[in-house]
Amino acid sequence: MFTGLIEMRGTVMAREVGADAVKLTLEAGQMAAEAVLGESIAVNGCCLTVAAIEEECLRFDLLAETERRTNLKSLLPGATVNLERALRADARLGGHFVSGHVDQTGRIAVWEPRGKDYRLEVEFDPAYGRYLVPKGCIAVDGISLTLAEVEKDRFGVWIIPHTRSVTALEERKAGDLVNLEFDLLAKYVEKMVKPQG
C-alpha cells in the first residue's frame, strides 16, 4: 500500500530483456542504500519488488502484464521515474490509498503553466470514468492528485510548482503516456452495490 506522495525521483540506468523477465535497473540514491531485497517500491505508481541492490542502484523484474499495462515498457536509459516506498503502518496517510496496481495508461493532452500553477489534462479509457468524481482522487504516475474536472474521456488536475519540481512531471510533455490508478475505495463500493450474476 502506498500514499501517492513521491519520495524521490530515480533515473533509468538500463532496461534489458532477459530470458525470464525484463530487468529494469534504476539509480535510486539513498532509497537504494535503505532498501532490502523483496521490498515493494512504487515506480511511476507501479508496485515492483526489489530483486537486486548494487550500490545506489535497484533492479526490478517486470512481468509481461506489467509491461502490457504500464508506461514502464517505454522507458529508456536516462528517463526519470517517481519512487515511493510502501506505507509503514505507523506513518501518516498524507495522500490517498494507492495500491500500486496500475489500471491503464492515459495520454497527456494538456500540460502547461497557467499563472503560477500548472494544468494537466489526461485522456483515458471512458470505461474507467465511473471511478472519477470532481474533488475525488487519482494516482498519475504514482502521484496522488485531486480531480478538478471530469469529462467522458478526459480529466483535469491542477499541479502546484512544488509537485512539478520534485516529481517526474517536470520532464513530461503533451503526448506522453502516464500510469493511472483509479480510486481503490470506489472499486470496492462498486463491487458491493453491483448486483451479482
N, C-alpha and C. Protein backbone atom coordinates (compact mmCIF):
# COMPACT_ATOMS: atom_id res chain seq x y z
N MET A 1 0.85 -1.19 0.00
CA MET A 1 0.00 0.00 0.00
C MET A 1 0.89 1.24 0.00
N PHE A 2 0.47 2.25 -0.78
CA PHE A 2 1.23 3.50 -0.90
C PHE A 2 0.28 4.67 -0.65
N THR A 3 0.84 5.87 -0.65
CA THR A 3 0.03 7.07 -0.41
C THR A 3 -0.04 7.98 -1.61
N GLY A 4 0.85 7.80 -2.59
CA GLY A 4 0.89 8.71 -3.73
C GLY A 4 1.72 9.95 -3.45
N LEU A 5 2.44 9.97 -2.32
CA LEU A 5 3.36 11.07 -2.02
C LEU A 5 4.76 10.62 -2.44
N ILE A 6 5.25 11.16 -3.53
CA ILE A 6 6.52 10.73 -4.11
C ILE A 6 7.67 11.11 -3.19
N GLU A 7 8.55 10.14 -2.91
CA GLU A 7 9.68 10.39 -2.03
C GLU A 7 10.87 10.97 -2.78
N MET A 8 11.08 10.49 -3.99
CA MET A 8 12.21 10.97 -4.77
C MET A 8 12.05 10.54 -6.22
N ARG A 9 12.91 11.11 -7.06
CA ARG A 9 12.97 10.68 -8.45
C ARG A 9 14.15 9.75 -8.64
N GLY A 10 13.96 8.76 -9.50
CA GLY A 10 15.04 7.86 -9.86
C GLY A 10 15.35 8.00 -11.33
N THR A 11 16.47 7.44 -11.76
CA THR A 11 16.88 7.52 -13.16
C THR A 11 17.06 6.12 -13.71
N VAL A 12 16.50 5.88 -14.89
CA VAL A 12 16.65 4.58 -15.54
C VAL A 12 18.10 4.42 -16.01
N MET A 13 18.73 3.36 -15.53
CA MET A 13 20.10 3.05 -15.96
C MET A 13 20.10 2.03 -17.10
N ALA A 14 19.18 1.06 -17.02
CA ALA A 14 19.11 0.02 -18.05
C ALA A 14 17.74 -0.64 -18.02
N ARG A 15 17.34 -1.12 -19.18
CA ARG A 15 16.12 -1.93 -19.32
C ARG A 15 16.48 -3.04 -20.28
N GLU A 16 16.65 -4.25 -19.74
CA GLU A 16 17.16 -5.36 -20.52
C GLU A 16 16.15 -6.49 -20.58
N VAL A 17 15.99 -7.05 -21.76
CA VAL A 17 15.10 -8.19 -21.93
C VAL A 17 15.89 -9.45 -21.63
N GLY A 18 15.56 -10.11 -20.52
CA GLY A 18 16.24 -11.34 -20.13
C GLY A 18 15.44 -12.56 -20.53
N ALA A 19 15.98 -13.73 -20.27
CA ALA A 19 15.31 -14.99 -20.64
C ALA A 19 14.03 -15.18 -19.83
N ASP A 20 14.02 -14.72 -18.57
CA ASP A 20 12.86 -14.95 -17.71
C ASP A 20 12.04 -13.71 -17.42
N ALA A 21 12.60 -12.53 -17.65
CA ALA A 21 11.88 -11.28 -17.35
C ALA A 21 12.61 -10.10 -17.96
N VAL A 22 11.90 -8.97 -18.04
CA VAL A 22 12.55 -7.71 -18.39
C VAL A 22 13.13 -7.16 -17.10
N LYS A 23 14.39 -6.80 -17.12
CA LYS A 23 15.09 -6.32 -15.93
C LYS A 23 15.27 -4.82 -16.03
N LEU A 24 14.69 -4.11 -15.06
CA LEU A 24 14.74 -2.65 -15.02
C LEU A 24 15.67 -2.24 -13.89
N THR A 25 16.72 -1.49 -14.23
CA THR A 25 17.69 -1.02 -13.24
C THR A 25 17.58 0.49 -13.12
N LEU A 26 17.43 0.95 -11.86
CA LEU A 26 17.27 2.37 -11.58
C LEU A 26 18.34 2.86 -10.63
N GLU A 27 18.84 4.06 -10.86
CA GLU A 27 19.67 4.75 -9.88
C GLU A 27 18.70 5.36 -8.89
N ALA A 28 18.86 5.01 -7.60
CA ALA A 28 17.88 5.45 -6.61
C ALA A 28 18.53 6.03 -5.35
N GLY A 29 19.81 6.35 -5.40
CA GLY A 29 20.49 7.05 -4.32
C GLY A 29 20.23 6.48 -2.95
N GLN A 30 19.77 7.34 -2.04
CA GLN A 30 19.55 6.97 -0.64
C GLN A 30 18.51 5.87 -0.49
N MET A 31 17.50 5.84 -1.38
CA MET A 31 16.49 4.79 -1.28
C MET A 31 17.13 3.42 -1.50
N ALA A 32 18.10 3.34 -2.42
CA ALA A 32 18.79 2.07 -2.66
C ALA A 32 19.60 1.67 -1.44
N ALA A 33 20.19 2.66 -0.77
CA ALA A 33 21.00 2.37 0.42
C ALA A 33 20.15 1.82 1.55
N GLU A 34 18.88 2.20 1.61
CA GLU A 34 18.00 1.78 2.69
C GLU A 34 17.12 0.59 2.32
N ALA A 35 17.08 0.23 1.04
CA ALA A 35 16.17 -0.83 0.58
C ALA A 35 16.66 -2.21 1.00
N VAL A 36 15.73 -3.17 1.02
CA VAL A 36 16.06 -4.57 1.29
C VAL A 36 15.47 -5.42 0.17
N LEU A 37 16.10 -6.55 -0.10
CA LEU A 37 15.59 -7.46 -1.12
C LEU A 37 14.17 -7.88 -0.79
N GLY A 38 13.32 -7.91 -1.80
CA GLY A 38 11.94 -8.32 -1.61
C GLY A 38 11.01 -7.19 -1.23
N GLU A 39 11.55 -6.02 -0.96
CA GLU A 39 10.72 -4.86 -0.59
C GLU A 39 9.91 -4.38 -1.79
N SER A 40 8.74 -3.81 -1.50
CA SER A 40 7.90 -3.23 -2.55
C SER A 40 8.19 -1.74 -2.68
N ILE A 41 8.42 -1.31 -3.91
CA ILE A 41 8.63 0.11 -4.21
C ILE A 41 7.77 0.45 -5.42
N ALA A 42 7.06 1.57 -5.34
CA ALA A 42 6.26 2.02 -6.48
C ALA A 42 7.15 2.81 -7.42
N VAL A 43 7.18 2.37 -8.68
CA VAL A 43 7.94 3.03 -9.74
C VAL A 43 6.93 3.58 -10.72
N ASN A 44 6.82 4.90 -10.80
CA ASN A 44 5.75 5.53 -11.59
C ASN A 44 4.39 4.98 -11.20
N GLY A 45 4.24 4.68 -9.91
CA GLY A 45 2.96 4.20 -9.40
C GLY A 45 2.73 2.72 -9.54
N CYS A 46 3.70 1.98 -10.09
CA CYS A 46 3.56 0.54 -10.29
C CYS A 46 4.34 -0.18 -9.20
N CYS A 47 3.66 -0.98 -8.40
CA CYS A 47 4.31 -1.71 -7.31
C CYS A 47 5.23 -2.79 -7.87
N LEU A 48 6.53 -2.65 -7.58
CA LEU A 48 7.53 -3.61 -8.04
C LEU A 48 8.32 -4.14 -6.84
N THR A 49 8.87 -5.33 -7.00
CA THR A 49 9.65 -5.97 -5.94
C THR A 49 11.14 -5.79 -6.23
N VAL A 50 11.88 -5.36 -5.21
CA VAL A 50 13.33 -5.20 -5.36
C VAL A 50 13.95 -6.59 -5.52
N ALA A 51 14.58 -6.82 -6.69
CA ALA A 51 15.18 -8.12 -7.00
C ALA A 51 16.68 -8.12 -6.76
N ALA A 52 17.31 -6.94 -6.81
CA ALA A 52 18.75 -6.84 -6.58
C ALA A 52 19.09 -5.42 -6.19
N ILE A 53 20.15 -5.29 -5.38
CA ILE A 53 20.64 -3.98 -4.94
C ILE A 53 22.14 -3.94 -5.19
N GLU A 54 22.60 -2.91 -5.86
CA GLU A 54 24.03 -2.75 -6.09
C GLU A 54 24.39 -1.29 -5.94
N GLU A 55 25.06 -0.96 -4.85
CA GLU A 55 25.44 0.41 -4.52
C GLU A 55 24.20 1.31 -4.54
N GLU A 56 24.13 2.26 -5.45
CA GLU A 56 22.99 3.19 -5.47
C GLU A 56 21.92 2.78 -6.48
N CYS A 57 21.96 1.53 -6.94
CA CYS A 57 21.01 1.06 -7.95
C CYS A 57 20.11 -0.05 -7.41
N LEU A 58 18.87 -0.05 -7.89
CA LEU A 58 17.89 -1.09 -7.60
C LEU A 58 17.51 -1.77 -8.91
N ARG A 59 17.33 -3.11 -8.86
CA ARG A 59 16.87 -3.81 -10.05
C ARG A 59 15.54 -4.48 -9.75
N PHE A 60 14.65 -4.39 -10.73
CA PHE A 60 13.32 -4.98 -10.64
C PHE A 60 13.10 -5.88 -11.84
N ASP A 61 12.34 -6.97 -11.65
CA ASP A 61 11.93 -7.84 -12.76
C ASP A 61 10.49 -7.49 -13.11
N LEU A 62 10.25 -7.22 -14.39
CA LEU A 62 8.91 -6.82 -14.84
C LEU A 62 8.17 -7.99 -15.46
N LEU A 63 6.94 -8.23 -14.99
CA LEU A 63 6.08 -9.25 -15.57
C LEU A 63 5.57 -8.79 -16.94
N ALA A 64 5.13 -9.74 -17.75
CA ALA A 64 4.53 -9.39 -19.05
C ALA A 64 3.31 -8.51 -18.85
N GLU A 65 2.52 -8.78 -17.80
CA GLU A 65 1.33 -7.97 -17.51
C GLU A 65 1.72 -6.54 -17.16
N THR A 66 2.80 -6.37 -16.43
CA THR A 66 3.28 -5.03 -16.09
C THR A 66 3.69 -4.28 -17.35
N GLU A 67 4.40 -4.98 -18.22
CA GLU A 67 4.82 -4.37 -19.49
C GLU A 67 3.60 -3.94 -20.31
N ARG A 68 2.59 -4.79 -20.35
CA ARG A 68 1.42 -4.51 -21.18
C ARG A 68 0.61 -3.33 -20.66
N ARG A 69 0.48 -3.23 -19.34
CA ARG A 69 -0.46 -2.30 -18.75
C ARG A 69 0.13 -0.95 -18.37
N THR A 70 1.46 -0.80 -18.33
CA THR A 70 2.07 0.42 -17.80
C THR A 70 2.97 1.11 -18.82
N ASN A 71 3.44 2.30 -18.42
CA ASN A 71 4.38 3.03 -19.29
C ASN A 71 5.83 2.61 -19.05
N LEU A 72 6.05 1.61 -18.19
CA LEU A 72 7.41 1.15 -17.94
C LEU A 72 8.01 0.51 -19.19
N LYS A 73 7.17 0.06 -20.11
CA LYS A 73 7.65 -0.59 -21.33
C LYS A 73 8.38 0.39 -22.25
N SER A 74 8.12 1.68 -22.09
CA SER A 74 8.71 2.66 -22.99
C SER A 74 9.88 3.44 -22.38
N LEU A 75 10.32 3.03 -21.18
CA LEU A 75 11.41 3.75 -20.53
C LEU A 75 12.74 3.50 -21.22
N LEU A 76 13.48 4.56 -21.41
CA LEU A 76 14.81 4.48 -22.00
C LEU A 76 15.83 4.93 -20.96
N PRO A 77 17.09 4.49 -21.08
CA PRO A 77 18.12 4.97 -20.15
C PRO A 77 18.14 6.50 -20.10
N GLY A 78 18.21 7.02 -18.88
CA GLY A 78 18.19 8.46 -18.67
C GLY A 78 16.83 9.01 -18.29
N ALA A 79 15.78 8.21 -18.50
CA ALA A 79 14.42 8.66 -18.15
C ALA A 79 14.29 8.79 -16.63
N THR A 80 13.45 9.72 -16.21
CA THR A 80 13.20 9.95 -14.79
C THR A 80 11.89 9.28 -14.39
N VAL A 81 11.90 8.63 -13.22
CA VAL A 81 10.70 7.96 -12.71
C VAL A 81 10.43 8.42 -11.28
N ASN A 82 9.17 8.30 -10.87
CA ASN A 82 8.77 8.61 -9.49
C ASN A 82 8.95 7.37 -8.63
N LEU A 83 9.46 7.57 -7.41
CA LEU A 83 9.69 6.45 -6.50
C LEU A 83 9.03 6.71 -5.15
N GLU A 84 8.38 5.67 -4.62
CA GLU A 84 7.79 5.74 -3.28
C GLU A 84 7.90 4.36 -2.63
N ARG A 85 8.39 4.32 -1.39
CA ARG A 85 8.40 3.07 -0.65
C ARG A 85 7.02 2.81 -0.07
N ALA A 86 6.76 1.56 0.25
CA ALA A 86 5.45 1.17 0.80
C ALA A 86 5.19 1.90 2.12
N LEU A 87 3.92 2.14 2.39
CA LEU A 87 3.48 2.84 3.59
C LEU A 87 3.73 1.98 4.83
N ARG A 88 4.35 2.59 5.84
CA ARG A 88 4.52 1.92 7.13
C ARG A 88 3.22 2.03 7.91
N ALA A 89 2.93 1.04 8.73
CA ALA A 89 1.68 1.02 9.49
C ALA A 89 1.59 2.17 10.49
N ASP A 90 2.73 2.70 10.93
CA ASP A 90 2.72 3.78 11.91
C ASP A 90 2.93 5.17 11.29
N ALA A 91 2.79 5.25 9.97
CA ALA A 91 3.05 6.52 9.28
C ALA A 91 1.75 7.28 9.00
N ARG A 92 1.88 8.58 8.78
CA ARG A 92 0.73 9.39 8.39
C ARG A 92 0.31 9.05 6.97
N LEU A 93 -0.98 9.09 6.72
CA LEU A 93 -1.50 8.87 5.38
C LEU A 93 -1.79 10.25 4.80
N GLY A 94 -0.82 10.81 4.09
CA GLY A 94 -0.95 12.18 3.62
C GLY A 94 -1.59 12.30 2.24
N GLY A 95 -1.59 11.25 1.46
CA GLY A 95 -2.19 11.32 0.13
C GLY A 95 -3.53 10.60 0.14
N HIS A 96 -3.62 9.48 -0.60
CA HIS A 96 -4.80 8.63 -0.52
C HIS A 96 -4.34 7.18 -0.68
N PHE A 97 -5.26 6.23 -0.51
CA PHE A 97 -4.88 4.82 -0.62
C PHE A 97 -4.54 4.49 -2.06
N VAL A 98 -3.29 4.10 -2.30
CA VAL A 98 -2.80 3.74 -3.63
C VAL A 98 -2.23 2.33 -3.52
N SER A 99 -2.73 1.42 -4.33
CA SER A 99 -2.29 0.02 -4.23
C SER A 99 -1.03 -0.27 -5.01
N GLY A 100 -0.74 0.57 -6.00
CA GLY A 100 0.40 0.30 -6.87
C GLY A 100 0.04 -0.64 -8.01
N HIS A 101 -1.27 -0.89 -8.19
CA HIS A 101 -1.74 -1.74 -9.27
C HIS A 101 -2.34 -0.83 -10.35
N VAL A 102 -1.57 -0.59 -11.38
CA VAL A 102 -1.96 0.35 -12.44
C VAL A 102 -3.11 -0.23 -13.24
N ASP A 103 -4.14 0.60 -13.46
CA ASP A 103 -5.30 0.16 -14.23
C ASP A 103 -5.08 0.28 -15.74
N GLN A 104 -4.48 1.38 -16.14
CA GLN A 104 -4.25 1.62 -17.56
C GLN A 104 -3.29 2.80 -17.72
N THR A 105 -2.85 3.02 -18.94
CA THR A 105 -2.11 4.24 -19.22
C THR A 105 -3.07 5.25 -19.83
N GLY A 106 -2.81 6.51 -19.55
CA GLY A 106 -3.53 7.61 -20.18
C GLY A 106 -2.53 8.45 -20.95
N ARG A 107 -3.04 9.31 -21.81
CA ARG A 107 -2.15 10.15 -22.62
C ARG A 107 -2.34 11.61 -22.21
N ILE A 108 -1.23 12.29 -21.97
CA ILE A 108 -1.30 13.70 -21.61
C ILE A 108 -1.80 14.51 -22.80
N ALA A 109 -2.90 15.22 -22.61
CA ALA A 109 -3.47 16.08 -23.65
C ALA A 109 -3.01 17.53 -23.48
N VAL A 110 -2.96 17.97 -22.24
CA VAL A 110 -2.54 19.35 -21.93
C VAL A 110 -1.60 19.30 -20.73
N TRP A 111 -0.46 19.97 -20.85
CA TRP A 111 0.49 20.09 -19.74
C TRP A 111 1.19 21.43 -19.91
N GLU A 112 0.70 22.43 -19.17
CA GLU A 112 1.20 23.79 -19.40
C GLU A 112 1.06 24.66 -18.16
N PRO A 113 1.89 25.69 -18.06
CA PRO A 113 1.74 26.63 -16.95
C PRO A 113 0.51 27.49 -17.14
N ARG A 114 -0.18 27.77 -16.05
CA ARG A 114 -1.31 28.70 -16.06
C ARG A 114 -1.19 29.55 -14.81
N GLY A 115 -0.77 30.78 -14.99
CA GLY A 115 -0.48 31.63 -13.85
C GLY A 115 0.72 31.06 -13.12
N LYS A 116 0.61 30.92 -11.81
CA LYS A 116 1.70 30.38 -11.02
C LYS A 116 1.65 28.85 -10.90
N ASP A 117 0.55 28.25 -11.35
CA ASP A 117 0.37 26.81 -11.24
C ASP A 117 0.48 26.16 -12.61
N TYR A 118 0.16 24.87 -12.67
CA TYR A 118 0.25 24.11 -13.92
C TYR A 118 -1.04 23.32 -14.11
N ARG A 119 -1.41 23.18 -15.35
CA ARG A 119 -2.63 22.46 -15.71
C ARG A 119 -2.25 21.17 -16.42
N LEU A 120 -2.78 20.05 -15.91
CA LEU A 120 -2.55 18.74 -16.52
C LEU A 120 -3.90 18.14 -16.88
N GLU A 121 -4.06 17.80 -18.15
CA GLU A 121 -5.26 17.10 -18.62
C GLU A 121 -4.82 15.79 -19.25
N VAL A 122 -5.52 14.72 -18.89
CA VAL A 122 -5.15 13.38 -19.34
C VAL A 122 -6.35 12.71 -19.98
N GLU A 123 -6.13 12.12 -21.15
CA GLU A 123 -7.17 11.33 -21.83
C GLU A 123 -7.07 9.89 -21.34
N PHE A 124 -8.23 9.26 -21.10
CA PHE A 124 -8.25 7.90 -20.57
C PHE A 124 -9.38 7.11 -21.19
N ASP A 125 -9.38 5.81 -20.98
CA ASP A 125 -10.44 4.92 -21.48
C ASP A 125 -11.72 5.25 -20.73
N PRO A 126 -12.79 5.66 -21.44
CA PRO A 126 -14.04 6.04 -20.78
C PRO A 126 -14.64 4.95 -19.89
N ALA A 127 -14.25 3.69 -20.09
CA ALA A 127 -14.79 2.60 -19.26
C ALA A 127 -14.44 2.80 -17.78
N TYR A 128 -13.40 3.57 -17.51
CA TYR A 128 -13.00 3.81 -16.12
C TYR A 128 -13.60 5.08 -15.54
N GLY A 129 -14.38 5.79 -16.34
CA GLY A 129 -14.93 7.06 -15.89
C GLY A 129 -15.82 6.96 -14.66
N ARG A 130 -16.39 5.81 -14.43
CA ARG A 130 -17.29 5.64 -13.27
C ARG A 130 -16.55 5.78 -11.95
N TYR A 131 -15.22 5.69 -11.97
CA TYR A 131 -14.45 5.81 -10.73
C TYR A 131 -13.99 7.24 -10.45
N LEU A 132 -14.34 8.16 -11.32
CA LEU A 132 -13.86 9.53 -11.19
C LEU A 132 -14.99 10.49 -10.84
N VAL A 133 -14.75 11.33 -9.84
CA VAL A 133 -15.70 12.38 -9.46
C VAL A 133 -14.89 13.64 -9.17
N PRO A 134 -15.45 14.82 -9.49
CA PRO A 134 -14.74 16.06 -9.15
C PRO A 134 -14.42 16.10 -7.65
N LYS A 135 -13.21 16.51 -7.34
CA LYS A 135 -12.66 16.57 -5.97
C LYS A 135 -12.34 15.18 -5.41
N GLY A 136 -12.49 14.15 -6.25
CA GLY A 136 -12.05 12.82 -5.87
C GLY A 136 -10.55 12.70 -6.12
N CYS A 137 -10.04 11.48 -6.03
CA CYS A 137 -8.59 11.31 -6.17
C CYS A 137 -8.25 10.35 -7.30
N ILE A 138 -7.04 10.53 -7.80
CA ILE A 138 -6.46 9.64 -8.81
C ILE A 138 -4.96 9.65 -8.63
N ALA A 139 -4.31 8.55 -8.99
CA ALA A 139 -2.85 8.50 -8.98
C ALA A 139 -2.37 8.55 -10.44
N VAL A 140 -1.54 9.53 -10.74
CA VAL A 140 -0.95 9.70 -12.07
C VAL A 140 0.55 9.49 -11.94
N ASP A 141 1.06 8.43 -12.56
CA ASP A 141 2.47 8.04 -12.38
C ASP A 141 2.82 7.96 -10.90
N GLY A 142 1.84 7.49 -10.11
CA GLY A 142 2.05 7.29 -8.68
C GLY A 142 1.83 8.51 -7.83
N ILE A 143 1.50 9.65 -8.42
CA ILE A 143 1.30 10.90 -7.67
C ILE A 143 -0.16 11.03 -7.27
N SER A 144 -0.43 11.20 -6.00
CA SER A 144 -1.79 11.40 -5.51
C SER A 144 -2.25 12.80 -5.90
N LEU A 145 -3.32 12.87 -6.70
CA LEU A 145 -3.82 14.15 -7.19
C LEU A 145 -5.33 14.25 -6.98
N THR A 146 -5.79 15.50 -6.86
CA THR A 146 -7.22 15.77 -6.70
C THR A 146 -7.80 16.16 -8.04
N LEU A 147 -8.88 15.51 -8.43
CA LEU A 147 -9.53 15.80 -9.71
C LEU A 147 -10.24 17.15 -9.65
N ALA A 148 -9.98 17.98 -10.65
CA ALA A 148 -10.67 19.27 -10.74
C ALA A 148 -11.91 19.13 -11.62
N GLU A 149 -11.73 18.56 -12.80
CA GLU A 149 -12.86 18.34 -13.72
C GLU A 149 -12.78 16.93 -14.27
N VAL A 150 -13.96 16.38 -14.57
CA VAL A 150 -14.03 15.05 -15.15
C VAL A 150 -14.97 15.10 -16.35
N GLU A 151 -14.48 14.66 -17.50
CA GLU A 151 -15.30 14.52 -18.70
C GLU A 151 -15.37 13.04 -19.06
N LYS A 152 -16.05 12.74 -20.15
CA LYS A 152 -16.25 11.34 -20.53
C LYS A 152 -14.93 10.60 -20.70
N ASP A 153 -13.95 11.20 -21.37
CA ASP A 153 -12.70 10.52 -21.65
C ASP A 153 -11.47 11.37 -21.31
N ARG A 154 -11.66 12.35 -20.42
CA ARG A 154 -10.56 13.23 -20.05
C ARG A 154 -10.80 13.80 -18.66
N PHE A 155 -9.74 13.94 -17.89
CA PHE A 155 -9.86 14.63 -16.60
C PHE A 155 -8.78 15.69 -16.50
N GLY A 156 -9.04 16.66 -15.63
CA GLY A 156 -8.09 17.73 -15.42
C GLY A 156 -7.72 17.84 -13.95
N VAL A 157 -6.46 18.16 -13.69
CA VAL A 157 -5.96 18.40 -12.34
C VAL A 157 -5.06 19.63 -12.37
N TRP A 158 -4.94 20.28 -11.22
CA TRP A 158 -4.03 21.40 -11.07
C TRP A 158 -2.81 20.92 -10.30
N ILE A 159 -1.65 21.37 -10.73
CA ILE A 159 -0.39 20.96 -10.13
C ILE A 159 0.31 22.19 -9.56
N ILE A 160 0.71 22.13 -8.30
CA ILE A 160 1.45 23.24 -7.73
C ILE A 160 2.92 23.15 -8.17
N PRO A 161 3.64 24.26 -8.17
CA PRO A 161 5.04 24.24 -8.61
C PRO A 161 5.90 23.22 -7.86
N HIS A 162 5.67 23.05 -6.56
CA HIS A 162 6.46 22.09 -5.78
C HIS A 162 6.31 20.68 -6.33
N THR A 163 5.08 20.25 -6.59
CA THR A 163 4.85 18.90 -7.11
C THR A 163 5.52 18.71 -8.45
N ARG A 164 5.43 19.71 -9.30
CA ARG A 164 6.09 19.63 -10.60
C ARG A 164 7.60 19.48 -10.45
N SER A 165 8.19 20.22 -9.54
CA SER A 165 9.64 20.26 -9.44
C SER A 165 10.25 19.04 -8.76
N VAL A 166 9.47 18.31 -7.94
CA VAL A 166 10.04 17.17 -7.21
C VAL A 166 9.61 15.82 -7.78
N THR A 167 8.84 15.83 -8.87
CA THR A 167 8.40 14.58 -9.49
C THR A 167 8.83 14.54 -10.95
N ALA A 168 8.60 13.39 -11.57
CA ALA A 168 8.94 13.23 -12.98
C ALA A 168 8.04 14.05 -13.90
N LEU A 169 6.98 14.67 -13.35
CA LEU A 169 6.14 15.53 -14.18
C LEU A 169 6.95 16.65 -14.81
N GLU A 170 8.03 17.04 -14.16
CA GLU A 170 8.87 18.12 -14.68
C GLU A 170 9.36 17.82 -16.09
N GLU A 171 9.49 16.53 -16.43
CA GLU A 171 10.01 16.15 -17.74
C GLU A 171 8.92 15.68 -18.71
N ARG A 172 7.68 15.64 -18.25
CA ARG A 172 6.61 15.18 -19.13
C ARG A 172 6.18 16.26 -20.11
N LYS A 173 5.54 15.80 -21.19
CA LYS A 173 5.03 16.74 -22.20
C LYS A 173 3.76 16.14 -22.80
N ALA A 174 3.01 16.98 -23.50
CA ALA A 174 1.79 16.51 -24.16
C ALA A 174 2.14 15.35 -25.09
N GLY A 175 1.30 14.31 -25.05
CA GLY A 175 1.51 13.12 -25.86
C GLY A 175 2.13 11.96 -25.09
N ASP A 176 2.77 12.25 -23.95
CA ASP A 176 3.39 11.19 -23.16
C ASP A 176 2.34 10.31 -22.49
N LEU A 177 2.69 9.05 -22.28
CA LEU A 177 1.84 8.13 -21.55
C LEU A 177 2.14 8.22 -20.06
N VAL A 178 1.09 8.18 -19.24
CA VAL A 178 1.25 8.17 -17.78
C VAL A 178 0.44 7.00 -17.22
N ASN A 179 0.92 6.43 -16.13
CA ASN A 179 0.20 5.35 -15.47
C ASN A 179 -0.94 5.92 -14.64
N LEU A 180 -2.10 5.28 -14.73
CA LEU A 180 -3.27 5.71 -13.98
C LEU A 180 -3.75 4.60 -13.06
N GLU A 181 -3.98 4.97 -11.81
CA GLU A 181 -4.64 4.06 -10.87
C GLU A 181 -5.86 4.79 -10.33
N PHE A 182 -7.03 4.23 -10.62
CA PHE A 182 -8.28 4.84 -10.19
C PHE A 182 -8.56 4.47 -8.73
N ASP A 183 -9.46 5.21 -8.12
CA ASP A 183 -9.70 5.12 -6.67
C ASP A 183 -10.06 3.71 -6.23
N LEU A 184 -9.24 3.15 -5.36
CA LEU A 184 -9.43 1.80 -4.84
C LEU A 184 -10.75 1.66 -4.08
N LEU A 185 -11.08 2.65 -3.27
CA LEU A 185 -12.32 2.58 -2.50
C LEU A 185 -13.55 2.57 -3.41
N ALA A 186 -13.49 3.34 -4.50
CA ALA A 186 -14.62 3.36 -5.45
C ALA A 186 -14.82 1.98 -6.07
N LYS A 187 -13.74 1.27 -6.33
CA LYS A 187 -13.85 -0.08 -6.91
C LYS A 187 -14.53 -1.04 -5.95
N TYR A 188 -14.17 -0.95 -4.67
CA TYR A 188 -14.80 -1.83 -3.68
C TYR A 188 -16.28 -1.49 -3.50
N VAL A 189 -16.60 -0.21 -3.46
CA VAL A 189 -18.00 0.20 -3.34
C VAL A 189 -18.80 -0.34 -4.52
N GLU A 190 -18.24 -0.20 -5.73
CA GLU A 190 -18.94 -0.70 -6.92
C GLU A 190 -19.21 -2.20 -6.79
N LYS A 191 -18.25 -2.96 -6.34
CA LYS A 191 -18.43 -4.42 -6.21
C LYS A 191 -19.50 -4.75 -5.18
N MET A 192 -19.56 -3.97 -4.10
CA MET A 192 -20.52 -4.25 -3.04
C MET A 192 -21.97 -3.91 -3.45
N VAL A 193 -22.13 -2.88 -4.25
CA VAL A 193 -23.50 -2.47 -4.60
C VAL A 193 -23.98 -3.00 -5.94
N LYS A 194 -23.05 -3.49 -6.76
CA LYS A 194 -23.44 -4.02 -8.07
C LYS A 194 -24.06 -5.39 -7.92
N PRO A 195 -25.23 -5.61 -8.52
CA PRO A 195 -25.87 -6.93 -8.42
C PRO A 195 -24.96 -8.02 -9.00
N GLN A 196 -24.83 -9.12 -8.29
CA GLN A 196 -24.02 -10.24 -8.74
C GLN A 196 -24.86 -11.12 -9.68
N GLY A 197 -24.19 -11.66 -10.69
CA GLY A 197 -24.95 -12.53 -11.56
C GLY A 197 -24.35 -12.73 -12.84
